[in-house]
PDB file of N, CA and C in Angstrom:
ATOM      1  N   UNK A   1      -7.053   9.860 -10.288  1.00  0.00           N
ATOM      2  CA  UNK A   1      -7.769  10.847  -9.495  1.00  0.00           C
ATOM      3  C   UNK A   1      -7.738  10.421  -8.032  1.00  0.00           C
ATOM      4  N   UNK A   2      -6.944  11.083  -7.239  1.00  0.00           N
ATOM      5  CA  UNK A   2      -6.784  10.699  -5.844  1.00  0.00           C
ATOM      6  C   UNK A   2      -8.042  10.956  -5.024  1.00  0.00           C
ATOM      7  N   UNK A   3      -9.022  11.674  -5.571  1.00  0.00           N
ATOM      8  CA  UNK A   3     -10.260  11.891  -4.847  1.00  0.00           C
ATOM      9  C   UNK A   3     -10.984  10.569  -4.605  1.00  0.00           C
ATOM     10  N   UNK A   4     -10.712   9.553  -5.407  1.00  0.00           N
ATOM     11  CA  UNK A   4     -11.325   8.240  -5.265  1.00  0.00           C
ATOM     12  C   UNK A   4     -10.568   7.347  -4.287  1.00  0.00           C
ATOM     13  N   UNK A   5      -9.366   7.717  -3.934  1.00  0.00           N
ATOM     14  CA  UNK A   5      -8.543   6.913  -3.041  1.00  0.00           C
ATOM     15  C   UNK A   5      -8.648   7.494  -1.636  1.00  0.00           C
ATOM     16  N   UNK A   6      -9.060   6.649  -0.688  1.00  0.00           N
ATOM     17  CA  UNK A   6      -9.271   7.126   0.671  1.00  0.00           C
ATOM     18  C   UNK A   6      -8.126   6.787   1.615  1.00  0.00           C
ATOM     19  N   UNK A   7      -7.355   5.771   1.254  1.00  0.00           N
ATOM     20  CA  UNK A   7      -6.264   5.337   2.138  1.00  0.00           C
ATOM     21  C   UNK A   7      -5.277   4.504   1.336  1.00  0.00           C
ATOM     22  N   UNK A   8      -4.014   4.625   1.688  1.00  0.00           N
ATOM     23  CA  UNK A   8      -2.955   3.819   1.091  1.00  0.00           C
ATOM     24  C   UNK A   8      -2.281   3.050   2.216  1.00  0.00           C
ATOM     25  N   UNK A   9      -2.120   1.750   2.017  1.00  0.00           N
ATOM     26  CA  UNK A   9      -1.389   0.913   2.955  1.00  0.00           C
ATOM     27  C   UNK A   9      -0.125   0.446   2.247  1.00  0.00           C
ATOM     28  N   UNK A  10       1.012   0.777   2.814  1.00  0.00           N
ATOM     29  CA  UNK A  10       2.299   0.334   2.281  1.00  0.00           C
ATOM     30  C   UNK A  10       2.856  -0.714   3.231  1.00  0.00           C
ATOM     31  N   UNK A  11       3.184  -1.883   2.692  1.00  0.00           N
ATOM     32  CA  UNK A  11       3.800  -2.925   3.493  1.00  0.00           C
ATOM     33  C   UNK A  11       5.310  -2.835   3.306  1.00  0.00           C
ATOM     34  N   UNK A  12       5.999  -2.513   4.379  1.00  0.00           N
ATOM     35  CA  UNK A  12       7.457  -2.506   4.398  1.00  0.00           C
ATOM     36  C   UNK A  12       7.863  -3.926   4.761  1.00  0.00           C
ATOM     37  N   UNK A  13       8.231  -4.681   3.747  1.00  0.00           N
ATOM     38  CA  UNK A  13       8.492  -6.105   3.889  1.00  0.00           C
ATOM     39  C   UNK A  13       9.959  -6.349   4.257  1.00  0.00           C
ATOM     40  N   UNK A  14      10.376  -5.759   5.387  1.00  0.00           N
ATOM     41  CA  UNK A  14      11.739  -5.925   5.872  1.00  0.00           C
ATOM     42  C   UNK A  14      12.771  -5.130   5.098  1.00  0.00           C
ATOM     43  N   UNK A  15      12.357  -4.044   4.458  1.00  0.00           N
ATOM     44  CA  UNK A  15      13.267  -3.258   3.616  1.00  0.00           C
ATOM     45  C   UNK A  15      14.283  -2.484   4.449  1.00  0.00           C
ATOM     46  N   UNK A  16      15.402  -2.210   3.812  1.00  0.00           N
ATOM     47  CA  UNK A  16      16.433  -1.371   4.420  1.00  0.00           C
ATOM     48  C   UNK A  16      16.877  -0.373   3.361  1.00  0.00           C
ATOM     49  N   UNK A  17      16.637   0.927   3.529  1.00  0.00           N
ATOM     50  CA  UNK A  17      16.128   1.584   4.732  1.00  0.00           C
ATOM     51  C   UNK A  17      14.634   1.331   4.911  1.00  0.00           C
ATOM     52  N   UNK A  18      14.171   1.593   6.115  1.00  0.00           N
ATOM     53  CA  UNK A  18      12.748   1.422   6.435  1.00  0.00           C
ATOM     54  C   UNK A  18      11.907   2.343   5.548  1.00  0.00           C
ATOM     55  N   UNK A  19      10.874   1.774   4.971  1.00  0.00           N
ATOM     56  CA  UNK A  19      10.000   2.537   4.078  1.00  0.00           C
ATOM     57  C   UNK A  19       9.333   3.692   4.828  1.00  0.00           C
ATOM     58  N   UNK A  20       8.961   3.456   6.069  1.00  0.00           N
ATOM     59  CA  UNK A  20       8.310   4.500   6.851  1.00  0.00           C
ATOM     60  C   UNK A  20       9.145   5.754   6.979  1.00  0.00           C
ATOM     61  N   UNK A  21      10.459   5.602   6.939  1.00  0.00           N
ATOM     62  CA  UNK A  21      11.347   6.762   7.019  1.00  0.00           C
ATOM     63  C   UNK A  21      11.305   7.600   5.744  1.00  0.00           C
ATOM     64  N   UNK A  22      10.799   7.025   4.658  1.00  0.00           N
ATOM     65  CA  UNK A  22      10.758   7.718   3.367  1.00  0.00           C
ATOM     66  C   UNK A  22       9.410   8.389   3.092  1.00  0.00           C
ATOM     67  N   UNK A  23       8.406   8.088   3.899  1.00  0.00           N
ATOM     68  CA  UNK A  23       7.067   8.649   3.713  1.00  0.00           C
ATOM     69  C   UNK A  23       6.980   9.986   4.449  1.00  0.00           C
ATOM     70  N   UNK A  24       6.644  11.058   3.740  1.00  0.00           N
ATOM     71  CA  UNK A  24       6.554  12.373   4.387  1.00  0.00           C
ATOM     72  C   UNK A  24       5.531  12.392   5.532  1.00  0.00           C
ATOM     73  N   UNK A  25       5.840  13.075   6.604  1.00  0.00           N
ATOM     74  CA  UNK A  25       4.939  13.208   7.746  1.00  0.00           C
ATOM     75  C   UNK A  25       3.576  13.749   7.333  1.00  0.00           C
ATOM     76  N   UNK A  26       3.556  14.614   6.336  1.00  0.00           N
ATOM     77  CA  UNK A  26       2.295  15.217   5.903  1.00  0.00           C
ATOM     78  C   UNK A  26       1.328  14.186   5.324  1.00  0.00           C
ATOM     79  N   UNK A  27       1.796  12.993   5.020  1.00  0.00           N
ATOM     80  CA  UNK A  27       0.944  11.931   4.469  1.00  0.00           C
ATOM     81  C   UNK A  27       0.378  11.021   5.549  1.00  0.00           C
ATOM     82  N   UNK A  28       0.696  11.263   6.812  1.00  0.00           N
ATOM     83  CA  UNK A  28       0.380  10.321   7.882  1.00  0.00           C
ATOM     84  C   UNK A  28      -1.111  10.008   8.017  1.00  0.00           C
ATOM     85  N   UNK A  29      -1.994  10.900   7.682  1.00  0.00           N
ATOM     86  CA  UNK A  29      -3.421  10.623   7.759  1.00  0.00           C
ATOM     87  C   UNK A  29      -3.949   9.842   6.568  1.00  0.00           C
ATOM     88  N   UNK A  30      -3.156   9.755   5.511  1.00  0.00           N
ATOM     89  CA  UNK A  30      -3.585   9.117   4.269  1.00  0.00           C
ATOM     90  C   UNK A  30      -2.850   7.808   4.007  1.00  0.00           C
ATOM     91  N   UNK A  31      -1.590   7.738   4.421  1.00  0.00           N
ATOM     92  CA  UNK A  31      -0.744   6.577   4.164  1.00  0.00           C
ATOM     93  C   UNK A  31      -0.431   5.871   5.472  1.00  0.00           C
ATOM     94  N   UNK A  32      -0.729   4.574   5.517  1.00  0.00           N
ATOM     95  CA  UNK A  32      -0.367   3.746   6.673  1.00  0.00           C
ATOM     96  C   UNK A  32       0.778   2.842   6.231  1.00  0.00           C
ATOM     97  N   UNK A  33       1.864   2.832   6.996  1.00  0.00           N
ATOM     98  CA  UNK A  33       2.991   1.950   6.705  1.00  0.00           C
ATOM     99  C   UNK A  33       2.958   0.806   7.713  1.00  0.00           C
ATOM    100  N   UNK A  34       2.891  -0.400   7.190  1.00  0.00           N
ATOM    101  CA  UNK A  34       2.909  -1.601   8.009  1.00  0.00           C
ATOM    102  C   UNK A  34       4.292  -2.215   7.898  1.00  0.00           C
ATOM    103  N   UNK A  35       5.046  -2.212   8.972  1.00  0.00           N
ATOM    104  CA  UNK A  35       6.431  -2.691   8.979  1.00  0.00           C
ATOM    105  C   UNK A  35       6.487  -4.157   9.375  1.00  0.00           C
ATOM    106  N   UNK A  36       7.078  -5.001   8.510  1.00  0.00           N
ATOM    107  CA  UNK A  36       7.382  -6.387   8.837  1.00  0.00           C
ATOM    108  C   UNK A  36       8.880  -6.462   9.095  1.00  0.00           C
ATOM    109  N   UNK A  37       9.290  -7.111  10.138  1.00  0.00           N
ATOM    110  CA  UNK A  37      10.703  -7.146  10.518  1.00  0.00           C
ATOM    111  C   UNK A  37      11.552  -7.992   9.579  1.00  0.00           C
ATOM    112  N   UNK A  38      10.922  -8.918   8.852  1.00  0.00           N
ATOM    113  CA  UNK A  38      11.666  -9.719   7.879  1.00  0.00           C
ATOM    114  C   UNK A  38      10.851  -9.840   6.601  1.00  0.00           C
ATOM    115  N   UNK A  39      11.539 -10.078   5.508  1.00  0.00           N
ATOM    116  CA  UNK A  39      10.888 -10.202   4.214  1.00  0.00           C
ATOM    117  C   UNK A  39      10.113 -11.511   4.168  1.00  0.00           C
ATOM    118  N   UNK A  40       8.821 -11.413   3.959  1.00  0.00           N
ATOM    119  CA  UNK A  40       7.953 -12.591   3.891  1.00  0.00           C
ATOM    120  C   UNK A  40       7.613 -12.951   2.446  1.00  0.00           C
ATOM    121  N   UNK A  41       8.306 -12.336   1.493  1.00  0.00           N
ATOM    122  CA  UNK A  41       8.018 -12.583   0.079  1.00  0.00           C
ATOM    123  C   UNK A  41       6.805 -11.791  -0.358  1.00  0.00           C
ATOM    124  N   UNK A  42       6.578 -11.732  -1.659  1.00  0.00           N
ATOM    125  CA  UNK A  42       5.468 -10.920  -2.151  1.00  0.00           C
ATOM    126  C   UNK A  42       4.122 -11.445  -1.659  1.00  0.00           C
ATOM    127  N   UNK A  43       3.940 -12.763  -1.620  1.00  0.00           N
ATOM    128  CA  UNK A  43       2.660 -13.314  -1.150  1.00  0.00           C
ATOM    129  C   UNK A  43       2.414 -12.955   0.308  1.00  0.00           C
ATOM    130  N   UNK A  44       3.451 -13.037   1.144  1.00  0.00           N
ATOM    131  CA  UNK A  44       3.305 -12.664   2.549  1.00  0.00           C
ATOM    132  C   UNK A  44       3.012 -11.184   2.714  1.00  0.00           C
ATOM    133  N   UNK A  45       3.714 -10.357   1.950  1.00  0.00           N
ATOM    134  CA  UNK A  45       3.468  -8.917   2.000  1.00  0.00           C
ATOM    135  C   UNK A  45       2.063  -8.574   1.545  1.00  0.00           C
ATOM    136  N   UNK A  46       1.616  -9.205   0.452  1.00  0.00           N
ATOM    137  CA  UNK A  46       0.249  -8.977  -0.028  1.00  0.00           C
ATOM    138  C   UNK A  46      -0.765  -9.398   1.027  1.00  0.00           C
ATOM    139  N   UNK A  47      -0.561 -10.556   1.652  1.00  0.00           N
ATOM    140  CA  UNK A  47      -1.499 -11.048   2.668  1.00  0.00           C
ATOM    141  C   UNK A  47      -1.603 -10.071   3.843  1.00  0.00           C
ATOM    142  N   UNK A  48      -0.468  -9.577   4.319  1.00  0.00           N
ATOM    143  CA  UNK A  48      -0.492  -8.610   5.427  1.00  0.00           C
ATOM    144  C   UNK A  48      -1.189  -7.314   5.001  1.00  0.00           C
ATOM    145  N   UNK A  49      -0.929  -6.846   3.782  1.00  0.00           N
ATOM    146  CA  UNK A  49      -1.560  -5.620   3.295  1.00  0.00           C
ATOM    147  C   UNK A  49      -3.063  -5.759   3.130  1.00  0.00           C
ATOM    148  N   UNK A  50      -3.497  -6.885   2.567  1.00  0.00           N
ATOM    149  CA  UNK A  50      -4.938  -7.126   2.394  1.00  0.00           C
ATOM    150  C   UNK A  50      -5.625  -7.192   3.744  1.00  0.00           C
ATOM    151  N   UNK A  51      -5.006  -7.889   4.680  1.00  0.00           N
ATOM    152  CA  UNK A  51      -5.594  -8.016   6.013  1.00  0.00           C
ATOM    153  C   UNK A  51      -5.700  -6.650   6.690  1.00  0.00           C
ATOM    154  N   UNK A  52      -4.654  -5.849   6.604  1.00  0.00           N
ATOM    155  CA  UNK A  52      -4.663  -4.521   7.232  1.00  0.00           C
ATOM    156  C   UNK A  52      -5.698  -3.617   6.580  1.00  0.00           C
ATOM    157  N   UNK A  53      -5.753  -3.615   5.257  1.00  0.00           N
ATOM    158  CA  UNK A  53      -6.719  -2.754   4.560  1.00  0.00           C
ATOM    159  C   UNK A  53      -8.149  -3.183   4.866  1.00  0.00           C
ATOM    160  N   UNK A  54      -8.400  -4.476   4.890  1.00  0.00           N
ATOM    161  CA  UNK A  54      -9.751  -4.988   5.157  1.00  0.00           C
ATOM    162  C   UNK A  54     -10.170  -4.719   6.598  1.00  0.00           C
ATOM    163  N   UNK A  55      -9.248  -4.917   7.540  1.00  0.00           N
ATOM    164  CA  UNK A  55      -9.549  -4.713   8.960  1.00  0.00           C
ATOM    165  C   UNK A  55      -9.821  -3.238   9.251  1.00  0.00           C
ATOM    166  N   UNK A  56      -8.992  -2.373   8.706  1.00  0.00           N
ATOM    167  CA  UNK A  56      -9.077  -0.952   9.024  1.00  0.00           C
ATOM    168  C   UNK A  56     -10.180  -0.224   8.268  1.00  0.00           C
ATOM    169  N   UNK A  57     -10.575  -0.751   7.109  1.00  0.00           N
ATOM    170  CA  UNK A  57     -11.463   0.023   6.238  1.00  0.00           C
ATOM    171  C   UNK A  57     -12.685  -0.730   5.756  1.00  0.00           C
ATOM    172  N   UNK A  58     -12.925  -1.923   6.235  1.00  0.00           N
ATOM    173  CA  UNK A  58     -14.093  -2.690   5.832  1.00  0.00           C
ATOM    174  C   UNK A  58     -14.042  -3.028   4.349  1.00  0.00           C
ATOM    175  N   UNK A  59     -15.206  -3.264   3.765  1.00  0.00           N
ATOM    176  CA  UNK A  59     -15.241  -3.611   2.335  1.00  0.00           C
ATOM    177  C   UNK A  59     -14.612  -2.496   1.496  1.00  0.00           C
ATOM    178  N   UNK A  60     -13.734  -2.893   0.630  1.00  0.00           N
ATOM    179  CA  UNK A  60     -13.048  -1.897  -0.172  1.00  0.00           C
ATOM    180  C   UNK A  60     -12.454  -2.556  -1.412  1.00  0.00           C
ATOM    181  N   UNK A  61     -12.032  -1.727  -2.315  1.00  0.00           N
ATOM    182  CA  UNK A  61     -11.265  -2.193  -3.460  1.00  0.00           C
ATOM    183  C   UNK A  61      -9.800  -2.089  -3.087  1.00  0.00           C
ATOM    184  N   UNK A  62      -9.033  -3.100  -3.422  1.00  0.00           N
ATOM    185  CA  UNK A  62      -7.618  -3.112  -3.075  1.00  0.00           C
ATOM    186  C   UNK A  62      -6.808  -3.288  -4.356  1.00  0.00           C
ATOM    187  N   UNK A  63      -5.868  -2.397  -4.559  1.00  0.00           N
ATOM    188  CA  UNK A  63      -4.960  -2.458  -5.699  1.00  0.00           C
ATOM    189  C   UNK A  63      -3.604  -2.896  -5.161  1.00  0.00           C
ATOM    190  N   UNK A  64      -3.179  -4.085  -5.545  1.00  0.00           N
ATOM    191  CA  UNK A  64      -1.908  -4.626  -5.066  1.00  0.00           C
ATOM    192  C   UNK A  64      -0.802  -4.329  -6.058  1.00  0.00           C
ATOM    193  N   UNK A  65       0.281  -3.780  -5.552  1.00  0.00           N
ATOM    194  CA  UNK A  65       1.471  -3.523  -6.369  1.00  0.00           C
ATOM    195  C   UNK A  65       2.693  -4.046  -5.641  1.00  0.00           C
ATOM    196  N   UNK A  66       3.624  -4.579  -6.382  1.00  0.00           N
ATOM    197  CA  UNK A  66       4.907  -4.997  -5.843  1.00  0.00           C
ATOM    198  C   UNK A  66       5.928  -3.939  -6.224  1.00  0.00           C
ATOM    199  N   UNK A  67       7.115  -4.026  -5.670  1.00  0.00           N
ATOM    200  CA  UNK A  67       8.120  -2.992  -5.926  1.00  0.00           C
ATOM    201  C   UNK A  67       8.620  -2.978  -7.369  1.00  0.00           C
ATOM    202  N   UNK A  68       8.308  -3.998  -8.147  1.00  0.00           N
ATOM    203  CA  UNK A  68       8.758  -4.004  -9.541  1.00  0.00           C
ATOM    204  C   UNK A  68       7.641  -3.684 -10.526  1.00  0.00           C
ATOM    205  N   UNK A  69       6.484  -3.205 -10.033  1.00  0.00           N
ATOM    206  CA  UNK A  69       5.387  -2.776 -10.901  1.00  0.00           C
ATOM    207  C   UNK A  69       5.546  -1.306 -11.249  1.00  0.00           C
ATOM    208  N   UNK A  70       5.180  -0.947 -12.469  1.00  0.00           N
ATOM    209  CA  UNK A  70       5.181   0.449 -12.883  1.00  0.00           C
ATOM    210  C   UNK A  70       3.931   0.691 -13.726  1.00  0.00           C
ATOM    211  N   UNK A  71       2.796   0.977 -13.037  1.00  0.00           N
ATOM    212  CA  UNK A  71       1.553   1.204 -13.783  1.00  0.00           C
ATOM    213  C   UNK A  71       1.617   2.504 -14.575  1.00  0.00           C
ATOM    214  N   UNK A  72       0.812   2.547 -15.628  1.00  0.00           N
ATOM    215  CA  UNK A  72       0.698   3.784 -16.406  1.00  0.00           C
ATOM    216  C   UNK A  72       0.040   4.857 -15.543  1.00  0.00           C
ATOM    217  N   UNK A  73       0.221   6.102 -15.905  1.00  0.00           N
ATOM    218  CA  UNK A  73      -0.334   7.221 -15.145  1.00  0.00           C
ATOM    219  C   UNK A  73      -1.856   7.176 -15.059  1.00  0.00           C
ATOM    220  N   UNK A  74      -2.528   6.603 -16.051  1.00  0.00           N
ATOM    221  CA  UNK A  74      -3.978   6.578 -16.089  1.00  0.00           C
ATOM    222  C   UNK A  74      -4.578   5.258 -15.606  1.00  0.00           C
ATOM    223  N   UNK A  75      -3.781   4.369 -15.033  1.00  0.00           N
ATOM    224  CA  UNK A  75      -4.263   3.051 -14.643  1.00  0.00           C
ATOM    225  C   UNK A  75      -5.373   3.123 -13.600  1.00  0.00           C
ATOM    226  N   UNK A  76      -5.219   3.929 -12.560  1.00  0.00           N
ATOM    227  CA  UNK A  76      -6.243   4.020 -11.529  1.00  0.00           C
ATOM    228  C   UNK A  76      -7.563   4.511 -12.111  1.00  0.00           C
ATOM    229  N   UNK A  77      -7.520   5.524 -12.944  1.00  0.00           N
ATOM    230  CA  UNK A  77      -8.755   6.026 -13.569  1.00  0.00           C
ATOM    231  C   UNK A  77      -9.423   4.954 -14.401  1.00  0.00           C
ATOM    232  N   UNK A  78      -8.652   4.215 -15.177  1.00  0.00           N
ATOM    233  CA  UNK A  78      -9.205   3.146 -15.996  1.00  0.00           C
ATOM    234  C   UNK A  78      -9.858   2.079 -15.127  1.00  0.00           C
ATOM    235  N   UNK A  79      -9.207   1.692 -14.035  1.00  0.00           N
ATOM    236  CA  UNK A  79      -9.777   0.668 -13.161  1.00  0.00           C
ATOM    237  C   UNK A  79     -11.060   1.148 -12.494  1.00  0.00           C
ATOM    238  N   UNK A  80     -11.089   2.397 -12.055  1.00  0.00           N
ATOM    239  CA  UNK A  80     -12.276   2.913 -11.386  1.00  0.00           C
ATOM    240  C   UNK A  80     -13.449   3.110 -12.343  1.00  0.00           C
ATOM    241  N   UNK A  81     -13.122   3.443 -13.606  1.00  0.00           N
ATOM    242  CA  UNK A  81     -14.178   3.593 -14.607  1.00  0.00           C
ATOM    243  C   UNK A  81     -14.803   2.259 -14.928  1.00  0.00           C
TER     244      UNK A  81
END
């Protein structure tokens, strides 16, 4: 249920093509893309994402995913419940 999600932070960890180029303009108020010029590994990407989400949005719940994760369709609902 996206009504529970207020913001998405995507860390572009030096990807080619740039992830920001793949995010539709219509999502700009909901999705923030943080571009890193080089790949800092998953731990580095997670650290930058956590810092950005915490700085921009104060106390919040953060769901970390890497590019090789494939959660079930109902995972967010289960976590929020």
